Amino acid sequence: MHRSTASLSATALLTAALATPVSAHHGWSEYDAAKPLNLAGTIVESGYTQPHGYVLLQSADKRWHVVLAPPSRMEGRGLSKEALVAGAKVTVYGYPHRSKLDELRAERITVGDKTTELR
């Protein structure tokens, strides 16, 4: 195999390997933007995880898994990991998942008197 052919093959394999996870996690069409929700509640658990952070939010009648932005974006917009502690009171505006009835994709979150746009 010629060196340029080997290099081209390696590039194609790397591109395919990197493209799969990206396309797998961006399924925003699974969220119903026609039915936005405002939730208020208490953080039970949170995570600054890749590719997106999350909070488990206990509202008055239900526990929600709220999908947040990537940690780098949250930090860039001033939403620190320390703000999302268990016990914090928050409000979240976002879109419910079409089939997971306890999941919401957050567009913005308010912790205390600070609102952060996540998208």
PDB file of N, CA and C in Angstrom:
ATOM      1  N   MET A   1       0.844  -1.170   0.000  1.00  0.00           N
ATOM      2  CA  MET A   1       0.000   0.000   0.000  1.00  0.00           C
ATOM      3  C   MET A   1       0.891   1.235   0.000  1.00  0.00           C
ATOM      4  N   HIS A   2       0.565   2.170  -0.841  1.00  0.00           N
ATOM      5  CA  HIS A   2       1.325   3.412  -0.882  1.00  0.00           C
ATOM      6  C   HIS A   2       1.050   4.223   0.369  1.00  0.00           C
ATOM      7  N   ARG A   3       2.020   5.019   0.699  1.00  0.00           N
ATOM      8  CA  ARG A   3       1.901   5.845   1.907  1.00  0.00           C
ATOM      9  C   ARG A   3       0.691   6.770   1.852  1.00  0.00           C
ATOM     10  N   SER A   4       0.414   7.393   0.720  1.00  0.00           N
ATOM     11  CA  SER A   4      -0.725   8.314   0.628  1.00  0.00           C
ATOM     12  C   SER A   4      -2.057   7.569   0.739  1.00  0.00           C
ATOM     13  N   THR A   5      -2.123   6.338   0.220  1.00  0.00           N
ATOM     14  CA  THR A   5      -3.339   5.540   0.340  1.00  0.00           C
ATOM     15  C   THR A   5      -3.563   5.138   1.790  1.00  0.00           C
ATOM     16  N   ALA A   6      -2.496   4.749   2.487  1.00  0.00           N
ATOM     17  CA  ALA A   6      -2.610   4.385   3.901  1.00  0.00           C
ATOM     18  C   ALA A   6      -3.050   5.581   4.729  1.00  0.00           C
ATOM     19  N   SER A   7      -2.478   6.740   4.428  1.00  0.00           N
ATOM     20  CA  SER A   7      -2.844   7.948   5.159  1.00  0.00           C
ATOM     21  C   SER A   7      -4.308   8.317   4.919  1.00  0.00           C
ATOM     22  N   LEU A   8      -4.747   8.192   3.680  1.00  0.00           N
ATOM     23  CA  LEU A   8      -6.137   8.488   3.341  1.00  0.00           C
ATOM     24  C   LEU A   8      -7.082   7.515   4.044  1.00  0.00           C
ATOM     25  N   SER A   9      -6.719   6.227   4.093  1.00  0.00           N
ATOM     26  CA  SER A   9      -7.549   5.230   4.777  1.00  0.00           C
ATOM     27  C   SER A   9      -7.634   5.526   6.267  1.00  0.00           C
ATOM     28  N   ALA A  10      -6.511   5.870   6.873  1.00  0.00           N
ATOM     29  CA  ALA A  10      -6.503   6.190   8.301  1.00  0.00           C
ATOM     30  C   ALA A  10      -7.367   7.408   8.583  1.00  0.00           C
ATOM     31  N   THR A  11      -7.308   8.404   7.710  1.00  0.00           N
ATOM     32  CA  THR A  11      -8.128   9.609   7.884  1.00  0.00           C
ATOM     33  C   THR A  11      -9.608   9.269   7.773  1.00  0.00           C
ATOM     34  N   ALA A  12      -9.966   8.429   6.811  1.00  0.00           N
ATOM     35  CA  ALA A  12     -11.371   8.040   6.645  1.00  0.00           C
ATOM     36  C   ALA A  12     -11.885   7.274   7.865  1.00  0.00           C
ATOM     37  N   LEU A  13     -11.057   6.363   8.405  1.00  0.00           N
ATOM     38  CA  LEU A  13     -11.460   5.611   9.598  1.00  0.00           C
ATOM     39  C   LEU A  13     -11.631   6.530  10.803  1.00  0.00           C
ATOM     40  N   LEU A  14     -10.696   7.467  10.968  1.00  0.00           N
ATOM     41  CA  LEU A  14     -10.787   8.402  12.091  1.00  0.00           C
ATOM     42  C   LEU A  14     -12.026   9.275  11.960  1.00  0.00           C
ATOM     43  N   THR A  15     -12.307   9.751  10.769  1.00  0.00           N
ATOM     44  CA  THR A  15     -13.491  10.582  10.539  1.00  0.00           C
ATOM     45  C   THR A  15     -14.766   9.810  10.861  1.00  0.00           C
ATOM     46  N   ALA A  16     -14.836   8.557  10.422  1.00  0.00           N
ATOM     47  CA  ALA A  16     -16.018   7.733  10.698  1.00  0.00           C
ATOM     48  C   ALA A  16     -16.172   7.481  12.192  1.00  0.00           C
ATOM     49  N   ALA A  17     -15.060   7.223  12.876  1.00  0.00           N
ATOM     50  CA  ALA A  17     -15.117   6.957  14.315  1.00  0.00           C
ATOM     51  C   ALA A  17     -15.575   8.178  15.090  1.00  0.00           C
ATOM     52  N   LEU A  18     -15.135   9.357  14.686  1.00  0.00           N
ATOM     53  CA  LEU A  18     -15.521  10.580  15.376  1.00  0.00           C
ATOM     54  C   LEU A  18     -16.947  11.006  15.043  1.00  0.00           C
ATOM     55  N   ALA A  19     -17.405  10.719  13.851  1.00  0.00           N
ATOM     56  CA  ALA A  19     -18.738  11.160  13.426  1.00  0.00           C
ATOM     57  C   ALA A  19     -19.844  10.378  14.115  1.00  0.00           C
ATOM     58  N   THR A  20     -19.639   9.137  14.431  1.00  0.00           N
ATOM     59  CA  THR A  20     -20.688   8.306  15.014  1.00  0.00           C
ATOM     60  C   THR A  20     -21.190   8.813  16.354  1.00  0.00           C
ATOM     61  N   PRO A  21     -20.300   9.092  17.342  1.00  0.00           N
ATOM     62  CA  PRO A  21     -20.810   9.579  18.629  1.00  0.00           C
ATOM     63  C   PRO A  21     -21.520  10.921  18.521  1.00  0.00           C
ATOM     64  N   VAL A  22     -21.044  11.810  17.655  1.00  0.00           N
ATOM     65  CA  VAL A  22     -21.675  13.117  17.525  1.00  0.00           C
ATOM     66  C   VAL A  22     -23.096  12.967  17.015  1.00  0.00           C
ATOM     67  N   SER A  23     -23.271  12.178  15.970  1.00  0.00           N
ATOM     68  CA  SER A  23     -24.617  12.028  15.428  1.00  0.00           C
ATOM     69  C   SER A  23     -25.515  11.266  16.402  1.00  0.00           C
ATOM     70  N   ALA A  24     -24.926  10.426  17.242  1.00  0.00           N
ATOM     71  CA  ALA A  24     -25.731   9.642  18.169  1.00  0.00           C
ATOM     72  C   ALA A  24     -26.297  10.478  19.297  1.00  0.00           C
ATOM     73  N   HIS A  25     -25.591  11.532  19.746  1.00  0.00           N
ATOM     74  CA  HIS A  25     -26.077  12.248  20.918  1.00  0.00           C
ATOM     75  C   HIS A  25     -26.906  13.471  20.579  1.00  0.00           C
ATOM     76  N   HIS A  26     -26.927  13.951  19.341  1.00  0.00           N
ATOM     77  CA  HIS A  26     -27.712  15.132  19.007  1.00  0.00           C
ATOM     78  C   HIS A  26     -29.046  14.754  18.394  1.00  0.00           C
ATOM     79  N   GLY A  27     -29.940  14.276  19.197  1.00  0.00           N
ATOM     80  CA  GLY A  27     -31.263  13.924  18.734  1.00  0.00           C
ATOM     81  C   GLY A  27     -32.287  14.923  19.237  1.00  0.00           C
ATOM     82  N   TRP A  28     -32.070  16.218  18.977  1.00  0.00           N
ATOM     83  CA  TRP A  28     -32.965  17.245  19.514  1.00  0.00           C
ATOM     84  C   TRP A  28     -34.382  17.112  18.977  1.00  0.00           C
ATOM     85  N   SER A  29     -34.571  16.443  17.848  1.00  0.00           N
ATOM     86  CA  SER A  29     -35.926  16.272  17.320  1.00  0.00           C
ATOM     87  C   SER A  29     -36.769  15.389  18.244  1.00  0.00           C
ATOM     88  N   GLU A  30     -36.098  14.700  19.163  1.00  0.00           N
ATOM     89  CA  GLU A  30     -36.827  13.878  20.131  1.00  0.00           C
ATOM     90  C   GLU A  30     -37.519  14.720  21.202  1.00  0.00           C
ATOM     91  N   TYR A  31     -37.229  16.012  21.219  1.00  0.00           N
ATOM     92  CA  TYR A  31     -37.842  16.917  22.193  1.00  0.00           C
ATOM     93  C   TYR A  31     -38.908  17.753  21.492  1.00  0.00           C
ATOM     94  N   ASP A  32     -40.027  17.987  22.160  1.00  0.00           N
ATOM     95  CA  ASP A  32     -41.181  18.646  21.553  1.00  0.00           C
ATOM     96  C   ASP A  32     -41.164  20.151  21.845  1.00  0.00           C
ATOM     97  N   ALA A  33     -40.625  20.925  20.892  1.00  0.00           N
ATOM     98  CA  ALA A  33     -40.522  22.372  21.054  1.00  0.00           C
ATOM     99  C   ALA A  33     -41.889  23.052  21.015  1.00  0.00           C
ATOM    100  N   ALA A  34     -42.924  22.346  20.602  1.00  0.00           N
ATOM    101  CA  ALA A  34     -44.272  22.920  20.559  1.00  0.00           C
ATOM    102  C   ALA A  34     -44.955  22.873  21.931  1.00  0.00           C
ATOM    103  N   LYS A  35     -44.323  22.195  22.887  1.00  0.00           N
ATOM    104  CA  LYS A  35     -44.914  22.052  24.216  1.00  0.00           C
ATOM    105  C   LYS A  35     -43.916  22.442  25.310  1.00  0.00           C
ATOM    106  N   PRO A  36     -43.455  23.701  25.298  1.00  0.00           N
ATOM    107  CA  PRO A  36     -42.466  24.090  26.306  1.00  0.00           C
ATOM    108  C   PRO A  36     -43.054  24.035  27.715  1.00  0.00           C
ATOM    109  N   LEU A  37     -42.170  23.759  28.668  1.00  0.00           N
ATOM    110  CA  LEU A  37     -42.577  23.668  30.073  1.00  0.00           C
ATOM    111  C   LEU A  37     -41.707  24.579  30.923  1.00  0.00           C
ATOM    112  N   ASN A  38     -42.288  25.096  31.983  1.00  0.00           N
ATOM    113  CA  ASN A  38     -41.564  25.778  33.042  1.00  0.00           C
ATOM    114  C   ASN A  38     -41.672  24.895  34.266  1.00  0.00           C
ATOM    115  N   LEU A  39     -40.548  24.459  34.771  1.00  0.00           N
ATOM    116  CA  LEU A  39     -40.544  23.616  35.964  1.00  0.00           C
ATOM    117  C   LEU A  39     -39.869  24.368  37.102  1.00  0.00           C
ATOM    118  N   ALA A  40     -40.380  24.163  38.278  1.00  0.00           N
ATOM    119  CA  ALA A  40     -39.743  24.700  39.484  1.00  0.00           C
ATOM    120  C   ALA A  40     -39.546  23.539  40.435  1.00  0.00           C
ATOM    121  N   GLY A  41     -38.414  23.530  41.104  1.00  0.00           N
ATOM    122  CA  GLY A  41     -38.165  22.448  42.033  1.00  0.00           C
ATOM    123  C   GLY A  41     -36.812  22.542  42.699  1.00  0.00           C
ATOM    124  N   THR A  42     -36.432  21.425  43.281  1.00  0.00           N
ATOM    125  CA  THR A  42     -35.186  21.324  44.033  1.00  0.00           C
ATOM    126  C   THR A  42     -34.262  20.323  43.355  1.00  0.00           C
ATOM    127  N   ILE A  43     -32.994  20.693  43.241  1.00  0.00           N
ATOM    128  CA  ILE A  43     -32.010  19.769  42.667  1.00  0.00           C
ATOM    129  C   ILE A  43     -31.760  18.631  43.650  1.00  0.00           C
ATOM    130  N   VAL A  44     -31.921  17.415  43.147  1.00  0.00           N
ATOM    131  CA  VAL A  44     -31.641  16.215  43.931  1.00  0.00           C
ATOM    132  C   VAL A  44     -30.205  15.752  43.664  1.00  0.00           C
ATOM    133  N   GLU A  45     -29.788  15.898  42.405  1.00  0.00           N
ATOM    134  CA  GLU A  45     -28.462  15.455  41.979  1.00  0.00           C
ATOM    135  C   GLU A  45     -28.111  16.254  40.737  1.00  0.00           C
ATOM    136  N   SER A  46     -26.826  16.459  40.515  1.00  0.00           N
ATOM    137  CA  SER A  46     -26.403  17.152  39.295  1.00  0.00           C
ATOM    138  C   SER A  46     -25.096  16.568  38.797  1.00  0.00           C
ATOM    139  N   GLY A  47     -24.803  16.853  37.528  1.00  0.00           N
ATOM    140  CA  GLY A  47     -23.547  16.392  36.956  1.00  0.00           C
ATOM    141  C   GLY A  47     -23.071  17.332  35.876  1.00  0.00           C
ATOM    142  N   TYR A  48     -21.790  17.617  35.909  1.00  0.00           N
ATOM    143  CA  TYR A  48     -21.121  18.400  34.857  1.00  0.00           C
ATOM    144  C   TYR A  48     -20.461  17.392  33.935  1.00  0.00           C
ATOM    145  N   THR A  49     -21.267  16.643  33.204  1.00  0.00           N
ATOM    146  CA  THR A  49     -20.779  15.531  32.413  1.00  0.00           C
ATOM    147  C   THR A  49     -20.804  15.854  30.927  1.00  0.00           C
ATOM    148  N   GLN A  50     -20.000  15.128  30.175  1.00  0.00           N
ATOM    149  CA  GLN A  50     -19.987  15.244  28.711  1.00  0.00           C
ATOM    150  C   GLN A  50     -20.940  14.231  28.115  1.00  0.00           C
ATOM    151  N   PRO A  51     -21.611  14.480  27.056  1.00  0.00           N
ATOM    152  CA  PRO A  51     -21.550  15.723  26.307  1.00  0.00           C
ATOM    153  C   PRO A  51     -22.431  16.821  26.891  1.00  0.00           C
ATOM    154  N   HIS A  52     -23.305  16.505  27.859  1.00  0.00           N
ATOM    155  CA  HIS A  52     -24.183  17.505  28.456  1.00  0.00           C
ATOM    156  C   HIS A  52     -24.276  17.294  29.958  1.00  0.00           C
ATOM    157  N   GLY A  53     -24.377  18.401  30.663  1.00  0.00           N
ATOM    158  CA  GLY A  53     -24.632  18.313  32.089  1.00  0.00           C
ATOM    159  C   GLY A  53     -26.087  17.940  32.331  1.00  0.00           C
ATOM    160  N   TYR A  54     -26.424  17.695  33.592  1.00  0.00           N
ATOM    161  CA  TYR A  54     -27.800  17.336  33.914  1.00  0.00           C
ATOM    162  C   TYR A  54     -28.108  17.709  35.361  1.00  0.00           C
ATOM    163  N   VAL A  55     -29.385  17.800  35.659  1.00  0.00           N
ATOM    164  CA  VAL A  55     -29.853  17.841  37.041  1.00  0.00           C
ATOM    165  C   VAL A  55     -31.037  16.896  37.154  1.00  0.00           C
ATOM    166  N   LEU A  56     -31.131  16.236  38.286  1.00  0.00           N
ATOM    167  CA  LEU A  56     -32.363  15.548  38.652  1.00  0.00           C
ATOM    168  C   LEU A  56     -33.131  16.556  39.477  1.00  0.00           C
ATOM    169  N   LEU A  57     -34.301  16.925  38.995  1.00  0.00           N
ATOM    170  CA  LEU A  57     -35.093  17.990  39.596  1.00  0.00           C
ATOM    171  C   LEU A  57     -36.367  17.415  40.197  1.00  0.00           C
ATOM    172  N   GLN A  58     -36.566  17.643  41.467  1.00  0.00           N
ATOM    173  CA  GLN A  58     -37.808  17.220  42.111  1.00  0.00           C
ATOM    174  C   GLN A  58     -38.782  18.385  42.072  1.00  0.00           C
ATOM    175  N   SER A  59     -39.836  18.265  41.260  1.00  0.00           N
ATOM    176  CA  SER A  59     -40.878  19.288  41.220  1.00  0.00           C
ATOM    177  C   SER A  59     -41.952  18.888  42.230  1.00  0.00           C
ATOM    178  N   ALA A  60     -43.050  19.588  42.236  1.00  0.00           N
ATOM    179  CA  ALA A  60     -44.109  19.313  43.214  1.00  0.00           C
ATOM    180  C   ALA A  60     -44.632  17.888  43.119  1.00  0.00           C
ATOM    181  N   ASP A  61     -44.683  17.337  41.905  1.00  0.00           N
ATOM    182  CA  ASP A  61     -45.310  16.030  41.747  1.00  0.00           C
ATOM    183  C   ASP A  61     -44.499  15.015  40.946  1.00  0.00           C
ATOM    184  N   LYS A  62     -43.274  15.358  40.597  1.00  0.00           N
ATOM    185  CA  LYS A  62     -42.539  14.471  39.699  1.00  0.00           C
ATOM    186  C   LYS A  62     -41.035  14.738  39.777  1.00  0.00           C
ATOM    187  N   ARG A  63     -40.240  13.704  39.535  1.00  0.00           N
ATOM    188  CA  ARG A  63     -38.790  13.864  39.428  1.00  0.00           C
ATOM    189  C   ARG A  63     -38.416  13.870  37.954  1.00  0.00           C
ATOM    190  N   TRP A  64     -37.702  14.922  37.534  1.00  0.00           N
ATOM    191  CA  TRP A  64     -37.327  15.119  36.138  1.00  0.00           C
ATOM    192  C   TRP A  64     -35.829  14.948  35.946  1.00  0.00           C
ATOM    193  N   HIS A  65     -35.462  14.351  34.810  1.00  0.00           N
ATOM    194  CA  HIS A  65     -34.065  14.342  34.355  1.00  0.00           C
ATOM    195  C   HIS A  65     -33.969  15.500  33.370  1.00  0.00           C
ATOM    196  N   VAL A  66     -33.252  16.550  33.752  1.00  0.00           N
ATOM    197  CA  VAL A  66     -33.138  17.759  32.928  1.00  0.00           C
ATOM    198  C   VAL A  66     -31.765  17.755  32.258  1.00  0.00           C
ATOM    199  N   VAL A  67     -31.769  17.759  30.922  1.00  0.00           N
ATOM    200  CA  VAL A  67     -30.543  17.774  30.134  1.00  0.00           C
ATOM    201  C   VAL A  67     -30.111  19.227  29.956  1.00  0.00           C
ATOM    202  N   LEU A  68     -28.879  19.530  30.365  1.00  0.00           N
ATOM    203  CA  LEU A  68     -28.351  20.890  30.286  1.00  0.00           C
ATOM    204  C   LEU A  68     -27.394  21.009  29.096  1.00  0.00           C
ATOM    205  N   ALA A  69     -26.656  22.108  29.032  1.00  0.00           N
ATOM    206  CA  ALA A  69     -25.668  22.342  27.973  1.00  0.00           C
ATOM    207  C   ALA A  69     -24.363  21.618  28.319  1.00  0.00           C
ATOM    208  N   PRO A  70     -23.438  21.586  27.375  1.00  0.00           N
ATOM    209  CA  PRO A  70     -22.109  21.050  27.693  1.00  0.00           C
ATOM    210  C   PRO A  70     -21.457  21.894  28.806  1.00  0.00           C
ATOM    211  N   PRO A  71     -20.650  21.274  29.653  1.00  0.00           N
ATOM    212  CA  PRO A  71     -20.015  22.015  30.754  1.00  0.00           C
ATOM    213  C   PRO A  71     -19.260  23.260  30.306  1.00  0.00           C
ATOM    214  N   SER A  72     -18.548  23.192  29.191  1.00  0.00           N
ATOM    215  CA  SER A  72     -17.772  24.365  28.744  1.00  0.00           C
ATOM    216  C   SER A  72     -18.685  25.550  28.439  1.00  0.00           C
ATOM    217  N   ARG A  73     -19.860  25.292  27.884  1.00  0.00           N
ATOM    218  CA  ARG A  73     -20.788  26.383  27.597  1.00  0.00           C
ATOM    219  C   ARG A  73     -21.369  26.941  28.886  1.00  0.00           C
ATOM    220  N   MET A  74     -21.719  26.068  29.822  1.00  0.00           N
ATOM    221  CA  MET A  74     -22.279  26.547  31.095  1.00  0.00           C
ATOM    222  C   MET A  74     -21.262  27.405  31.839  1.00  0.00           C
ATOM    223  N   GLU A  75     -20.022  26.952  31.861  1.00  0.00           N
ATOM    224  CA  GLU A  75     -18.970  27.738  32.522  1.00  0.00           C
ATOM    225  C   GLU A  75     -18.780  29.069  31.820  1.00  0.00           C
ATOM    226  N   GLY A  76     -18.778  29.049  30.486  1.00  0.00           N
ATOM    227  CA  GLY A  76     -18.601  30.270  29.705  1.00  0.00           C
ATOM    228  C   GLY A  76     -19.704  31.281  29.928  1.00  0.00           C
ATOM    229  N   ARG A  77     -20.865  30.799  30.310  1.00  0.00           N
ATOM    230  CA  ARG A  77     -22.001  31.703  30.542  1.00  0.00           C
ATOM    231  C   ARG A  77     -22.221  31.977  32.029  1.00  0.00           C
ATOM    232  N   GLY A  78     -21.296  31.521  32.837  1.00  0.00           N
ATOM    233  CA  GLY A  78     -21.325  31.862  34.254  1.00  0.00           C
ATOM    234  C   GLY A  78     -22.097  30.916  35.147  1.00  0.00           C
ATOM    235  N   LEU A  79     -22.470  29.760  34.645  1.00  0.00           N
ATOM    236  CA  LEU A  79     -23.163  28.771  35.476  1.00  0.00           C
ATOM    237  C   LEU A  79     -22.136  27.751  35.956  1.00  0.00           C
ATOM    238  N   SER A  80     -21.683  27.957  37.162  1.00  0.00           N
ATOM    239  CA  SER A  80     -20.624  27.094  37.691  1.00  0.00           C
ATOM    240  C   SER A  80     -21.188  25.771  38.193  1.00  0.00           C
ATOM    241  N   LYS A  81     -20.316  24.804  38.300  1.00  0.00           N
ATOM    242  CA  LYS A  81     -20.676  23.500  38.855  1.00  0.00           C
ATOM    243  C   LYS A  81     -21.205  23.669  40.279  1.00  0.00           C
ATOM    244  N   GLU A  82     -20.616  24.581  41.019  1.00  0.00           N
ATOM    245  CA  GLU A  82     -20.992  24.791  42.414  1.00  0.00           C
ATOM    246  C   GLU A  82     -22.407  25.354  42.564  1.00  0.00           C
ATOM    247  N   ALA A  83     -22.936  26.007  41.524  1.00  0.00           N
ATOM    248  CA  ALA A  83     -24.303  26.559  41.601  1.00  0.00           C
ATOM    249  C   ALA A  83     -25.352  25.456  41.538  1.00  0.00           C
ATOM    250  N   LEU A  84     -24.987  24.314  40.995  1.00  0.00           N
ATOM    251  CA  LEU A  84     -25.958  23.232  40.786  1.00  0.00           C
ATOM    252  C   LEU A  84     -25.858  22.174  41.886  1.00  0.00           C
ATOM    253  N   VAL A  85     -25.888  22.614  43.108  1.00  0.00           N
ATOM    254  CA  VAL A  85     -25.740  21.685  44.233  1.00  0.00           C
ATOM    255  C   VAL A  85     -27.092  21.099  44.642  1.00  0.00           C
ATOM    256  N   ALA A  86     -27.047  19.917  45.202  1.00  0.00           N
ATOM    257  CA  ALA A  86     -28.263  19.296  45.725  1.00  0.00           C
ATOM    258  C   ALA A  86     -28.878  20.221  46.774  1.00  0.00           C
ATOM    259  N   GLY A  87     -30.187  20.387  46.681  1.00  0.00           N
ATOM    260  CA  GLY A  87     -30.902  21.251  47.609  1.00  0.00           C
ATOM    261  C   GLY A  87     -31.180  22.640  47.060  1.00  0.00           C
ATOM    262  N   ALA A  88     -30.501  23.032  45.980  1.00  0.00           N
ATOM    263  CA  ALA A  88     -30.725  24.354  45.394  1.00  0.00           C
ATOM    264  C   ALA A  88     -32.102  24.403  44.734  1.00  0.00           C
ATOM    265  N   LYS A  89     -32.782  25.528  44.916  1.00  0.00           N
ATOM    266  CA  LYS A  89     -34.078  25.763  44.266  1.00  0.00           C
ATOM    267  C   LYS A  89     -33.807  26.372  42.893  1.00  0.00           C
ATOM    268  N   VAL A  90     -34.427  25.788  41.853  1.00  0.00           N
ATOM    269  CA  VAL A  90     -34.216  26.267  40.490  1.00  0.00           C
ATOM    270  C   VAL A  90     -35.534  26.282  39.724  1.00  0.00           C
ATOM    271  N   THR A  91     -35.542  27.063  38.657  1.00  0.00           N
ATOM    272  CA  THR A  91     -36.601  26.965  37.663  1.00  0.00           C
ATOM    273  C   THR A  91     -35.922  26.681  36.328  1.00  0.00           C
ATOM    274  N   VAL A  92     -36.602  25.912  35.508  1.00  0.00           N
ATOM    275  CA  VAL A  92     -36.057  25.493  34.223  1.00  0.00           C
ATOM    276  C   VAL A  92     -37.135  25.663  33.163  1.00  0.00           C
ATOM    277  N   TYR A  93     -36.739  26.231  32.021  1.00  0.00           N
ATOM    278  CA  TYR A  93     -37.613  26.323  30.856  1.00  0.00           C
ATOM    279  C   TYR A  93     -37.021  25.424  29.782  1.00  0.00           C
ATOM    280  N   GLY A  94     -37.870  24.563  29.198  1.00  0.00           N
ATOM    281  CA  GLY A  94     -37.349  23.683  28.163  1.00  0.00           C
ATOM    282  C   GLY A  94     -38.431  22.857  27.510  1.00  0.00           C
ATOM    283  N   TYR A  95     -37.966  21.860  26.792  1.00  0.00           N
ATOM    284  CA  TYR A  95     -38.856  21.036  25.980  1.00  0.00           C
ATOM    285  C   TYR A  95     -38.865  19.596  26.463  1.00  0.00           C
ATOM    286  N   PRO A  96     -40.045  19.027  26.620  1.00  0.00           N
ATOM    287  CA  PRO A  96     -40.132  17.636  27.094  1.00  0.00           C
ATOM    288  C   PRO A  96     -39.752  16.644  26.000  1.00  0.00           C
ATOM    289  N   HIS A  97     -39.194  15.533  26.431  1.00  0.00           N
ATOM    290  CA  HIS A  97     -38.870  14.445  25.510  1.00  0.00           C
ATOM    291  C   HIS A  97     -40.178  13.825  25.032  1.00  0.00           C
ATOM    292  N   ARG A  98     -40.212  13.422  23.787  1.00  0.00           N
ATOM    293  CA  ARG A  98     -41.455  12.882  23.217  1.00  0.00           C
ATOM    294  C   ARG A  98     -41.832  11.511  23.784  1.00  0.00           C
ATOM    295  N   SER A  99     -40.840  10.697  24.152  1.00  0.00           N
ATOM    296  CA  SER A  99     -41.174   9.360  24.644  1.00  0.00           C
ATOM    297  C   SER A  99     -40.724   9.104  26.084  1.00  0.00           C
ATOM    298  N   LYS A 100     -39.717   9.817  26.570  1.00  0.00           N
ATOM    299  CA  LYS A 100     -39.295   9.683  27.968  1.00  0.00           C
ATOM    300  C   LYS A 100     -40.048  10.744  28.769  1.00  0.00           C
ATOM    301  N   LEU A 101     -41.053  10.335  29.468  1.00  0.00           N
ATOM    302  CA  LEU A 101     -41.984  11.273  30.083  1.00  0.00           C
ATOM    303  C   LEU A 101     -41.419  12.033  31.279  1.00  0.00           C
ATOM    304  N   ASP A 102     -40.207  11.687  31.694  1.00  0.00           N
ATOM    305  CA  ASP A 102     -39.590  12.401  32.819  1.00  0.00           C
ATOM    306  C   ASP A 102     -38.331  13.162  32.395  1.00  0.00           C
ATOM    307  N   GLU A 103     -38.173  13.403  31.101  1.00  0.00           N
ATOM    308  CA  GLU A 103     -36.962  14.077  30.625  1.00  0.00           C
ATOM    309  C   GLU A 103     -37.295  15.391  29.948  1.00  0.00           C
ATOM    310  N   LEU A 104     -36.475  16.397  30.216  1.00  0.00           N
ATOM    311  CA  LEU A 104     -36.646  17.736  29.650  1.00  0.00           C
ATOM    312  C   LEU A 104     -35.301  18.235  29.155  1.00  0.00           C
ATOM    313  N   ARG A 105     -35.274  18.848  27.983  1.00  0.00           N
ATOM    314  CA  ARG A 105     -34.079  19.522  27.462  1.00  0.00           C
ATOM    315  C   ARG A 105     -34.196  20.986  27.832  1.00  0.00           C
ATOM    316  N   ALA A 106     -33.290  21.483  28.640  1.00  0.00           N
ATOM    317  CA  ALA A 106     -33.385  22.849  29.153  1.00  0.00           C
ATOM    318  C   ALA A 106     -32.871  23.872  28.156  1.00  0.00           C
ATOM    319  N   GLU A 107     -33.625  24.933  27.983  1.00  0.00           N
ATOM    320  CA  GLU A 107     -33.189  26.089  27.205  1.00  0.00           C
ATOM    321  C   GLU A 107     -32.578  27.142  28.124  1.00  0.00           C
ATOM    322  N   ARG A 108     -33.120  27.258  29.338  1.00  0.00           N
ATOM    323  CA  ARG A 108     -32.562  28.187  30.322  1.00  0.00           C
ATOM    324  C   ARG A 108     -32.852  27.660  31.714  1.00  0.00           C
ATOM    325  N   ILE A 109     -31.996  28.068  32.632  1.00  0.00           N
ATOM    326  CA  ILE A 109     -32.142  27.663  34.022  1.00  0.00           C
ATOM    327  C   ILE A 109     -31.910  28.886  34.900  1.00  0.00           C
ATOM    328  N   THR A 110     -32.700  29.001  35.947  1.00  0.00           N
ATOM    329  CA  THR A 110     -32.537  30.081  36.916  1.00  0.00           C
ATOM    330  C   THR A 110     -32.200  29.463  38.259  1.00  0.00           C
ATOM    331  N   VAL A 111     -31.065  29.860  38.789  1.00  0.00           N
ATOM    332  CA  VAL A 111     -30.622  29.423  40.112  1.00  0.00           C
ATOM    333  C   VAL A 111     -30.510  30.682  40.956  1.00  0.00           C
ATOM    334  N   GLY A 112     -31.318  30.762  42.020  1.00  0.00           N
ATOM    335  CA  GLY A 112     -31.361  32.001  42.802  1.00  0.00           C
ATOM    336  C   GLY A 112     -31.911  33.113  41.929  1.00  0.00           C
ATOM    337  N   ASP A 113     -31.165  34.207  41.799  1.00  0.00           N
ATOM    338  CA  ASP A 113     -31.620  35.306  40.946  1.00  0.00           C
ATOM    339  C   ASP A 113     -30.853  35.368  39.626  1.00  0.00           C
ATOM    340  N   LYS A 114     -30.101  34.330  39.313  1.00  0.00           N
ATOM    341  CA  LYS A 114     -29.307  34.315  38.078  1.00  0.00           C
ATOM    342  C   LYS A 114     -29.899  33.356  37.046  1.00  0.00           C
ATOM    343  N   THR A 115     -30.248  33.894  35.879  1.00  0.00           N
ATOM    344  CA  THR A 115     -30.763  33.086  34.774  1.00  0.00           C
ATOM    345  C   THR A 115     -29.659  32.892  33.742  1.00  0.00           C
ATOM    346  N   THR A 116     -29.509  31.662  33.287  1.00  0.00           N
ATOM    347  CA  THR A 116     -28.488  31.328  32.294  1.00  0.00           C
ATOM    348  C   THR A 116     -29.158  30.722  31.079  1.00  0.00           C
ATOM    349  N   GLU A 117     -28.909  31.340  29.912  1.00  0.00           N
ATOM    350  CA  GLU A 117     -29.366  30.773  28.642  1.00  0.00           C
ATOM    351  C   GLU A 117     -28.402  29.646  28.274  1.00  0.00           C
ATOM    352  N   LEU A 118     -28.955  28.487  27.976  1.00  0.00           N
ATOM    353  CA  LEU A 118     -28.112  27.316  27.734  1.00  0.00           C
ATOM    354  C   LEU A 118     -27.913  26.989  26.260  1.00  0.00           C
ATOM    355  N   ARG A 119     -28.747  27.548  25.387  1.00  0.00           N
ATOM    356  CA  ARG A 119     -28.608  27.209  23.951  1.00  0.00           C
ATOM    357  C   ARG A 119     -28.118  28.382  23.162  1.00  0.00           C
TER     358      ARG A 119
END
